[in-house]
Amino acid sequence: MTAQEFMMLAINISFGMLIVASVFGFIRLVKGPSMPDRVVALDMMTVLIVAFCGLFSIIAEDRAFLDVAIVLALVGFLATVALARFAERRTARRDHVELEDIEDIE
């Protein structure tokens, strides 16, 4: 087995693993019992898409896909931060309402 054949085998196995991981991530995204589970699944799928772009860049021998991967990574990071802030504010708002309800009872 030559180095080129080994590299193609490794890339094909990597594509297969990315597809399986994407299926599991999508299942968790749809089925996730809570919002943090869905946020983590979405972040994982973003990382998988970035890895897919990197592998495709190797096969296509085109560096433009690496630029796409970098942009997707930045957008994925910003989306994760925005969803985390949303979840934090939602929890803080719920705790504040519960605290007001307890004060009203007393």
N, C-alpha and C. Protein backbone atom coordinates (compact mmCIF):
# COMPACT_ATOMS: atom_id res chain seq x y z
N MET A 1 0.85 -1.18 0.00
CA MET A 1 0.00 0.00 0.00
C MET A 1 0.89 1.24 0.00
N THR A 2 0.65 2.10 -0.95
CA THR A 2 1.45 3.32 -1.06
C THR A 2 0.92 4.37 -0.10
N ALA A 3 1.67 5.42 0.04
CA ALA A 3 1.26 6.51 0.93
C ALA A 3 -0.01 7.18 0.42
N GLN A 4 -0.14 7.32 -0.88
CA GLN A 4 -1.34 7.95 -1.46
C GLN A 4 -2.58 7.09 -1.21
N GLU A 5 -2.44 5.78 -1.37
CA GLU A 5 -3.57 4.88 -1.12
C GLU A 5 -3.96 4.89 0.35
N PHE A 6 -2.96 4.91 1.23
CA PHE A 6 -3.24 4.97 2.66
C PHE A 6 -3.95 6.27 3.03
N MET A 7 -3.52 7.38 2.44
CA MET A 7 -4.17 8.66 2.72
C MET A 7 -5.62 8.66 2.26
N MET A 8 -5.89 8.11 1.08
CA MET A 8 -7.26 8.05 0.58
C MET A 8 -8.13 7.14 1.46
N LEU A 9 -7.57 6.04 1.94
CA LEU A 9 -8.29 5.15 2.84
C LEU A 9 -8.62 5.88 4.15
N ALA A 10 -7.65 6.59 4.69
CA ALA A 10 -7.87 7.34 5.93
C ALA A 10 -8.92 8.43 5.74
N ILE A 11 -8.90 9.10 4.60
CA ILE A 11 -9.89 10.15 4.34
C ILE A 11 -11.28 9.54 4.18
N ASN A 12 -11.39 8.42 3.49
CA ASN A 12 -12.69 7.77 3.33
C ASN A 12 -13.25 7.28 4.67
N ILE A 13 -12.38 6.72 5.51
CA ILE A 13 -12.83 6.30 6.84
C ILE A 13 -13.25 7.52 7.66
N SER A 14 -12.53 8.62 7.53
CA SER A 14 -12.88 9.85 8.25
C SER A 14 -14.23 10.39 7.80
N PHE A 15 -14.50 10.35 6.49
CA PHE A 15 -15.81 10.78 6.01
C PHE A 15 -16.91 9.91 6.60
N GLY A 16 -16.69 8.61 6.65
CA GLY A 16 -17.69 7.72 7.24
C GLY A 16 -17.94 8.02 8.70
N MET A 17 -16.86 8.28 9.45
CA MET A 17 -17.02 8.61 10.86
C MET A 17 -17.74 9.94 11.04
N LEU A 18 -17.48 10.90 10.16
CA LEU A 18 -18.18 12.19 10.24
C LEU A 18 -19.66 12.03 9.97
N ILE A 19 -20.01 11.16 9.02
CA ILE A 19 -21.42 10.94 8.72
C ILE A 19 -22.13 10.29 9.91
N VAL A 20 -21.50 9.29 10.52
CA VAL A 20 -22.11 8.64 11.68
C VAL A 20 -22.26 9.63 12.83
N ALA A 21 -21.24 10.42 13.08
CA ALA A 21 -21.31 11.42 14.15
C ALA A 21 -22.38 12.47 13.85
N SER A 22 -22.55 12.84 12.59
CA SER A 22 -23.59 13.81 12.22
C SER A 22 -24.98 13.25 12.47
N VAL A 23 -25.17 11.97 12.19
CA VAL A 23 -26.48 11.34 12.46
C VAL A 23 -26.77 11.36 13.96
N PHE A 24 -25.78 10.98 14.77
CA PHE A 24 -25.97 11.01 16.22
C PHE A 24 -26.22 12.43 16.73
N GLY A 25 -25.50 13.40 16.19
CA GLY A 25 -25.71 14.79 16.58
C GLY A 25 -27.09 15.29 16.20
N PHE A 26 -27.56 14.90 15.01
CA PHE A 26 -28.90 15.32 14.58
C PHE A 26 -29.97 14.69 15.46
N ILE A 27 -29.77 13.44 15.84
CA ILE A 27 -30.73 12.79 16.74
C ILE A 27 -30.79 13.53 18.07
N ARG A 28 -29.63 13.90 18.61
CA ARG A 28 -29.61 14.63 19.88
C ARG A 28 -30.22 16.02 19.71
N LEU A 29 -30.03 16.63 18.55
CA LEU A 29 -30.59 17.95 18.29
C LEU A 29 -32.11 17.89 18.28
N VAL A 30 -32.67 16.87 17.67
CA VAL A 30 -34.12 16.74 17.58
C VAL A 30 -34.72 16.25 18.89
N LYS A 31 -34.06 15.28 19.52
CA LYS A 31 -34.62 14.58 20.66
C LYS A 31 -34.20 15.16 22.01
N GLY A 32 -33.20 16.03 22.01
CA GLY A 32 -32.64 16.54 23.25
C GLY A 32 -33.68 16.99 24.24
N PRO A 33 -33.61 16.51 25.48
CA PRO A 33 -34.67 16.87 26.43
C PRO A 33 -34.60 18.32 26.91
N SER A 34 -33.45 18.94 26.80
CA SER A 34 -33.36 20.32 27.29
C SER A 34 -32.63 21.19 26.27
N MET A 35 -32.73 22.48 26.48
CA MET A 35 -32.10 23.41 25.55
C MET A 35 -30.57 23.30 25.55
N PRO A 36 -29.92 23.14 26.72
CA PRO A 36 -28.45 22.98 26.68
C PRO A 36 -28.01 21.75 25.86
N ASP A 37 -28.79 20.67 25.91
CA ASP A 37 -28.46 19.50 25.09
C ASP A 37 -28.51 19.85 23.61
N ARG A 38 -29.49 20.61 23.23
CA ARG A 38 -29.62 21.00 21.82
C ARG A 38 -28.51 21.96 21.40
N VAL A 39 -28.11 22.85 22.30
CA VAL A 39 -27.02 23.78 21.99
C VAL A 39 -25.71 23.03 21.79
N VAL A 40 -25.44 22.06 22.65
CA VAL A 40 -24.22 21.27 22.52
C VAL A 40 -24.26 20.45 21.23
N ALA A 41 -25.42 19.89 20.89
CA ALA A 41 -25.55 19.12 19.64
C ALA A 41 -25.33 20.02 18.43
N LEU A 42 -25.87 21.22 18.46
CA LEU A 42 -25.68 22.16 17.36
C LEU A 42 -24.21 22.55 17.23
N ASP A 43 -23.55 22.76 18.35
CA ASP A 43 -22.13 23.09 18.33
C ASP A 43 -21.31 21.92 17.78
N MET A 44 -21.67 20.71 18.17
CA MET A 44 -20.98 19.53 17.67
C MET A 44 -21.17 19.39 16.15
N MET A 45 -22.37 19.65 15.68
CA MET A 45 -22.62 19.55 14.25
C MET A 45 -21.84 20.62 13.48
N THR A 46 -21.67 21.78 14.07
CA THR A 46 -20.86 22.82 13.44
C THR A 46 -19.41 22.37 13.31
N VAL A 47 -18.88 21.77 14.35
CA VAL A 47 -17.51 21.26 14.31
C VAL A 47 -17.39 20.15 13.26
N LEU A 48 -18.40 19.31 13.16
CA LEU A 48 -18.37 18.24 12.15
C LEU A 48 -18.39 18.81 10.73
N ILE A 49 -19.15 19.87 10.52
CA ILE A 49 -19.19 20.50 9.20
C ILE A 49 -17.84 21.13 8.87
N VAL A 50 -17.20 21.73 9.86
CA VAL A 50 -15.86 22.30 9.66
C VAL A 50 -14.87 21.19 9.30
N ALA A 51 -14.95 20.06 9.99
CA ALA A 51 -14.07 18.93 9.68
C ALA A 51 -14.35 18.40 8.28
N PHE A 52 -15.63 18.36 7.90
CA PHE A 52 -16.00 17.91 6.55
C PHE A 52 -15.38 18.84 5.50
N CYS A 53 -15.44 20.14 5.73
CA CYS A 53 -14.84 21.09 4.80
C CYS A 53 -13.33 20.90 4.71
N GLY A 54 -12.69 20.61 5.83
CA GLY A 54 -11.25 20.36 5.82
C GLY A 54 -10.89 19.12 5.03
N LEU A 55 -11.65 18.04 5.23
CA LEU A 55 -11.39 16.81 4.47
C LEU A 55 -11.67 17.01 2.98
N PHE A 56 -12.74 17.72 2.67
CA PHE A 56 -13.05 17.96 1.27
C PHE A 56 -11.99 18.83 0.62
N SER A 57 -11.41 19.74 1.39
CA SER A 57 -10.33 20.57 0.88
C SER A 57 -9.11 19.72 0.50
N ILE A 58 -8.86 18.69 1.29
CA ILE A 58 -7.74 17.79 0.98
C ILE A 58 -8.01 17.02 -0.30
N ILE A 59 -9.22 16.50 -0.44
CA ILE A 59 -9.56 15.71 -1.63
C ILE A 59 -9.58 16.59 -2.88
N ALA A 60 -10.21 17.76 -2.78
CA ALA A 60 -10.35 18.63 -3.94
C ALA A 60 -9.05 19.39 -4.25
N GLU A 61 -8.12 19.36 -3.32
CA GLU A 61 -6.87 20.10 -3.45
C GLU A 61 -7.13 21.59 -3.74
N ASP A 62 -8.08 22.14 -3.00
CA ASP A 62 -8.46 23.54 -3.16
C ASP A 62 -8.49 24.17 -1.77
N ARG A 63 -7.73 25.21 -1.59
CA ARG A 63 -7.64 25.85 -0.28
C ARG A 63 -8.84 26.75 0.03
N ALA A 64 -9.69 26.99 -0.93
CA ALA A 64 -10.85 27.85 -0.69
C ALA A 64 -11.78 27.23 0.35
N PHE A 65 -11.85 25.91 0.41
CA PHE A 65 -12.71 25.26 1.39
C PHE A 65 -12.20 25.45 2.81
N LEU A 66 -10.91 25.70 2.97
CA LEU A 66 -10.39 26.00 4.30
C LEU A 66 -10.88 27.36 4.78
N ASP A 67 -11.02 28.31 3.85
CA ASP A 67 -11.60 29.61 4.20
C ASP A 67 -13.05 29.45 4.65
N VAL A 68 -13.77 28.61 3.94
CA VAL A 68 -15.16 28.33 4.31
C VAL A 68 -15.21 27.71 5.70
N ALA A 69 -14.29 26.79 5.98
CA ALA A 69 -14.25 26.13 7.28
C ALA A 69 -13.97 27.14 8.39
N ILE A 70 -13.07 28.09 8.16
CA ILE A 70 -12.75 29.10 9.16
C ILE A 70 -13.97 29.98 9.43
N VAL A 71 -14.66 30.39 8.38
CA VAL A 71 -15.84 31.23 8.55
C VAL A 71 -16.93 30.47 9.31
N LEU A 72 -17.13 29.21 8.95
CA LEU A 72 -18.14 28.40 9.65
C LEU A 72 -17.77 28.23 11.12
N ALA A 73 -16.51 28.05 11.42
CA ALA A 73 -16.08 27.91 12.81
C ALA A 73 -16.37 29.19 13.60
N LEU A 74 -16.11 30.34 12.99
CA LEU A 74 -16.39 31.62 13.67
C LEU A 74 -17.89 31.82 13.88
N VAL A 75 -18.67 31.53 12.86
CA VAL A 75 -20.13 31.67 12.99
C VAL A 75 -20.67 30.70 14.03
N GLY A 76 -20.16 29.47 14.03
CA GLY A 76 -20.58 28.49 15.03
C GLY A 76 -20.24 28.93 16.44
N PHE A 77 -19.06 29.50 16.62
CA PHE A 77 -18.67 29.99 17.94
C PHE A 77 -19.59 31.12 18.40
N LEU A 78 -19.86 32.06 17.51
CA LEU A 78 -20.74 33.18 17.88
C LEU A 78 -22.16 32.69 18.17
N ALA A 79 -22.64 31.72 17.41
CA ALA A 79 -23.98 31.18 17.67
C ALA A 79 -24.03 30.49 19.03
N THR A 80 -23.00 29.76 19.37
CA THR A 80 -22.96 29.08 20.67
C THR A 80 -22.93 30.09 21.81
N VAL A 81 -22.16 31.14 21.66
CA VAL A 81 -22.10 32.17 22.70
C VAL A 81 -23.46 32.86 22.83
N ALA A 82 -24.10 33.17 21.71
CA ALA A 82 -25.40 33.83 21.75
C ALA A 82 -26.45 32.94 22.40
N LEU A 83 -26.47 31.66 22.06
CA LEU A 83 -27.44 30.75 22.68
C LEU A 83 -27.16 30.55 24.16
N ALA A 84 -25.90 30.54 24.55
CA ALA A 84 -25.57 30.40 25.97
C ALA A 84 -26.03 31.63 26.75
N ARG A 85 -25.84 32.80 26.18
CA ARG A 85 -26.32 34.03 26.85
C ARG A 85 -27.84 34.04 26.95
N PHE A 86 -28.51 33.58 25.89
CA PHE A 86 -29.96 33.51 25.91
C PHE A 86 -30.43 32.57 27.02
N ALA A 87 -29.80 31.41 27.12
CA ALA A 87 -30.18 30.44 28.15
C ALA A 87 -29.90 30.99 29.54
N GLU A 88 -28.80 31.72 29.71
CA GLU A 88 -28.47 32.30 31.01
C GLU A 88 -29.50 33.35 31.41
N ARG A 89 -29.88 34.21 30.47
CA ARG A 89 -30.87 35.24 30.79
C ARG A 89 -32.23 34.63 31.07
N ARG A 90 -32.56 33.58 30.34
CA ARG A 90 -33.84 32.91 30.55
C ARG A 90 -33.90 32.30 31.95
N THR A 91 -32.81 31.69 32.39
CA THR A 91 -32.74 31.10 33.73
C THR A 91 -32.78 32.19 34.79
N ALA A 92 -32.06 33.27 34.57
CA ALA A 92 -32.05 34.37 35.54
C ALA A 92 -33.43 35.00 35.65
N ARG A 93 -34.12 35.15 34.52
CA ARG A 93 -35.47 35.72 34.53
C ARG A 93 -36.43 34.81 35.29
N ARG A 94 -36.32 33.49 35.08
CA ARG A 94 -37.19 32.54 35.76
C ARG A 94 -36.93 32.56 37.26
N ASP A 95 -35.65 32.62 37.66
CA ASP A 95 -35.32 32.68 39.08
C ASP A 95 -35.84 33.96 39.71
N HIS A 96 -35.77 35.07 38.97
CA HIS A 96 -36.26 36.35 39.48
C HIS A 96 -37.77 36.30 39.70
N VAL A 97 -38.50 35.71 38.77
CA VAL A 97 -39.96 35.60 38.90
C VAL A 97 -40.31 34.71 40.09
N GLU A 98 -39.60 33.60 40.26
CA GLU A 98 -39.87 32.71 41.39
C GLU A 98 -39.58 33.41 42.70
N LEU A 99 -38.53 34.23 42.76
CA LEU A 99 -38.20 34.97 43.97
C LEU A 99 -39.30 35.99 44.29
N GLU A 100 -39.83 36.67 43.27
CA GLU A 100 -40.93 37.61 43.50
C GLU A 100 -42.17 36.90 44.00
N ASP A 101 -42.46 35.70 43.47
CA ASP A 101 -43.62 34.94 43.92
C ASP A 101 -43.48 34.55 45.39
N ILE A 102 -42.28 34.17 45.80
CA ILE A 102 -42.05 33.80 47.20
C ILE A 102 -42.20 35.02 48.10
N GLU A 103 -41.71 36.19 47.67
CA GLU A 103 -41.84 37.41 48.47
C GLU A 103 -43.29 37.83 48.59
N ASP A 104 -44.09 37.62 47.54
CA ASP A 104 -45.50 37.97 47.58
C ASP A 104 -46.26 37.10 48.57
N ILE A 105 -45.88 35.84 48.68
CA ILE A 105 -46.55 34.91 49.58
C ILE A 105 -46.27 35.30 51.03
N GLU A 106 -45.05 35.73 51.32
CA GLU A 106 -44.67 36.09 52.69
C GLU A 106 -45.23 37.42 53.00
